[in-house]
Amino acid sequence: MNKLSKITKRKQILALQDYISNLPGAMHGDCFPLKHSFANGMYMRQITVPKGMFIIGKIHKDDHPSFMLKGDVSILTERGSKRIKAPMAMISKAGDMRVGYVHEEMVWVDVFKTDVTDLNKIEAECVVTNYEAFDEYQAKRIKNFAKQICQK
């Protein structure tokens, strides 16, 4: 995808997010049942979302495993849209903001590598609040990687 196309898709997703967020009865924050689990340097976050709901995901800094254990959902990201049905396993791509419509009650699980167990610290470690912060994070990672290579 070229940069212009990426910017256009991001603008469309943000416009959709704004529209959904301003609908009557829109809920914000973690308003659906969550289950948090920790094991051997991993954090697992499970969310259950009722049928008929729109959901807007957070922008994650890094790729990570995701699983849909139950449900049917249409998802839009900057790479396009698709409808997926459980069971499903995938690697969620860094930088994706997902906007979804839940056709049938959905149970979704994300797994993150972290030794942290404080949920606020995990959020700060794994999530950015906007695309600009994600692009800055990625640029910093590339710069640090280039430094490491040059030192060898």
Protein backbone atom coordinates (compact mmCIF):
# COMPACT_ATOMS: atom_id res chain seq x y z
CA MET A 1 0.00 0.00 0.00
CA ASN A 2 1.41 3.40 -0.91
CA LYS A 3 1.70 6.17 1.69
CA LEU A 4 -1.17 8.25 0.23
CA SER A 5 -3.48 5.24 0.27
CA LYS A 6 -2.48 4.49 3.87
CA ILE A 7 -3.21 8.07 4.95
CA THR A 8 -6.58 7.99 3.18
CA LYS A 9 -7.55 4.69 4.83
CA ARG A 10 -6.48 6.01 8.25
CA LYS A 11 -8.61 9.14 7.74
CA GLN A 12 -11.60 6.97 6.80
CA ILE A 13 -11.14 4.80 9.89
CA LEU A 14 -10.83 7.87 12.14
CA ALA A 15 -13.95 9.40 10.55
CA LEU A 16 -15.84 6.14 11.16
CA GLN A 17 -14.54 6.04 14.74
CA ASP A 18 -15.74 9.64 15.26
CA TYR A 19 -19.15 8.83 13.78
CA ILE A 20 -19.64 5.69 15.91
CA SER A 21 -18.37 7.44 19.04
CA ASN A 22 -21.02 10.14 18.65
CA LEU A 23 -24.00 7.84 18.08
CA PRO A 24 -26.69 7.98 20.79
CA GLY A 25 -25.89 5.41 23.47
CA ALA A 26 -22.23 5.07 22.43
CA MET A 27 -20.07 3.63 25.20
CA HIS A 28 -16.41 4.53 25.71
CA GLY A 29 -13.52 2.74 27.39
CA ASP A 30 -13.48 -0.88 28.48
CA CYS A 31 -17.24 -1.35 28.77
CA PHE A 32 -17.55 -5.03 27.85
CA PRO A 33 -16.60 -7.98 30.09
CA LEU A 34 -12.82 -8.47 30.25
CA LYS A 35 -10.78 -11.33 31.63
CA HIS A 36 -7.07 -10.79 32.36
CA SER A 37 -4.62 -13.69 32.71
CA PHE A 38 -0.84 -13.83 33.21
CA ALA A 39 1.68 -16.64 32.67
CA ASN A 40 5.44 -16.83 32.06
CA GLY A 41 5.97 -13.34 30.65
CA MET A 42 2.67 -13.23 28.80
CA TYR A 43 -0.52 -11.24 29.30
CA MET A 44 -3.81 -12.49 27.87
CA ARG A 45 -6.78 -10.16 27.48
CA GLN A 46 -10.17 -11.67 26.67
CA ILE A 47 -13.19 -9.55 25.76
CA THR A 48 -16.80 -10.58 25.18
CA VAL A 49 -18.88 -8.29 22.94
CA PRO A 50 -22.63 -8.71 22.41
CA LYS A 51 -24.29 -9.13 19.03
CA GLY A 52 -25.21 -5.90 17.23
CA MET A 53 -22.42 -3.76 18.68
CA PHE A 54 -19.78 -1.69 16.94
CA ILE A 55 -16.35 -1.95 18.54
CA ILE A 56 -13.24 0.16 18.03
CA GLY A 57 -9.92 -1.41 18.94
CA LYS A 58 -6.76 0.19 20.24
CA ILE A 59 -3.59 0.69 18.21
CA HIS A 60 -1.01 -1.87 19.35
CA LYS A 61 2.71 -1.15 19.06
CA ASP A 62 3.78 -4.65 18.06
CA ASP A 63 2.51 -7.74 16.26
CA HIS A 64 0.85 -10.21 18.63
CA PRO A 65 -1.31 -13.36 18.52
CA SER A 66 -5.10 -12.90 18.45
CA PHE A 67 -7.85 -15.49 18.63
CA MET A 68 -11.59 -15.31 18.11
CA LEU A 69 -13.04 -18.13 20.17
CA LYS A 70 -16.68 -17.40 19.41
CA GLY A 71 -18.59 -15.13 17.08
CA ASP A 72 -18.92 -13.51 13.69
CA VAL A 73 -17.56 -10.01 13.05
CA SER A 74 -16.86 -7.67 10.14
CA ILE A 75 -13.58 -5.80 10.59
CA LEU A 76 -12.10 -2.77 8.85
CA THR A 77 -8.41 -1.83 9.06
CA GLU A 78 -6.20 0.33 6.86
CA ARG A 79 -5.44 -2.84 4.85
CA GLY A 80 -9.12 -3.39 4.02
CA SER A 81 -12.21 -5.11 5.37
CA LYS A 82 -13.17 -8.70 5.95
CA ARG A 83 -15.75 -10.78 7.74
CA ILE A 84 -14.43 -13.47 10.04
CA LYS A 85 -16.09 -16.26 11.98
CA ALA A 86 -14.85 -18.27 14.93
CA PRO A 87 -12.78 -20.21 15.48
CA MET A 88 -9.97 -18.05 14.15
CA ALA A 89 -6.31 -17.46 15.00
CA MET A 90 -4.11 -14.77 13.49
CA ILE A 91 -1.21 -12.46 14.11
CA SER A 92 -2.57 -8.96 14.70
CA LYS A 93 -0.39 -6.48 12.87
CA ALA A 94 1.26 -3.61 14.70
CA GLY A 95 -0.48 -0.30 14.03
CA ASP A 96 -3.87 -1.74 13.14
CA MET A 97 -6.88 0.09 14.49
CA ARG A 98 -9.80 -2.24 13.99
CA VAL A 99 -13.35 -1.04 13.62
CA GLY A 100 -15.77 -3.92 13.82
CA TYR A 101 -19.44 -4.80 13.71
CA VAL A 102 -20.40 -7.87 15.75
CA HIS A 103 -22.91 -10.07 13.89
CA GLU A 104 -22.94 -12.77 16.60
CA GLU A 105 -21.65 -12.50 20.19
CA MET A 106 -17.87 -12.43 20.01
CA VAL A 107 -15.17 -13.66 22.37
CA TRP A 108 -11.76 -12.26 21.33
CA VAL A 109 -8.37 -12.90 22.93
CA ASP A 110 -5.13 -10.93 22.48
CA VAL A 111 -1.80 -12.18 23.86
CA PHE A 112 1.11 -9.85 24.61
CA LYS A 113 4.70 -10.54 25.66
CA THR A 114 5.33 -8.65 28.91
CA ASP A 115 6.60 -9.25 32.42
CA VAL A 116 4.39 -6.43 33.70
CA THR A 117 1.18 -7.29 35.57
CA ASP A 118 -0.16 -3.78 36.24
CA LEU A 119 -2.87 -3.19 33.62
CA ASN A 120 -2.13 0.56 33.28
CA LYS A 121 1.56 -0.17 32.71
CA ILE A 122 0.72 -2.89 30.19
CA GLU A 123 -1.45 -0.42 28.30
CA ALA A 124 1.40 2.12 28.22
CA GLU A 125 3.83 -0.58 27.08
CA CYS A 126 1.65 -2.14 24.37
CA VAL A 127 -0.68 0.58 23.05
CA VAL A 128 -0.47 4.04 21.49
CA THR A 129 -3.33 6.52 21.42
CA ASN A 130 -3.13 7.57 17.76
CA TYR A 131 -1.50 6.85 14.42
CA GLU A 132 1.06 9.66 14.82
CA ALA A 133 2.35 8.09 18.06
CA PHE A 134 2.54 4.72 16.31
CA ASP A 135 4.54 6.16 13.41
CA GLU A 136 6.94 7.82 15.90
CA TYR A 137 7.31 4.53 17.82
CA GLN A 138 8.10 2.64 14.60
CA ALA A 139 10.60 5.28 13.44
CA LYS A 140 12.38 5.06 16.82
CA ARG A 141 12.53 1.25 16.57
CA ILE A 142 14.04 1.45 13.08
CA LYS A 143 16.58 4.04 14.23
CA ASN A 144 17.59 1.87 17.22
CA PHE A 145 17.87 -1.19 15.00
CA ALA A 146 20.09 0.71 12.54
CA LYS A 147 22.32 1.81 15.43
CA GLN A 148 22.70 -1.78 16.60
CA ILE A 149 23.69 -2.94 13.10
CA CYS A 150 26.21 -0.13 12.69
CA GLN A 151 27.85 -1.03 16.02
CA LYS A 152 28.51 -4.62 14.91
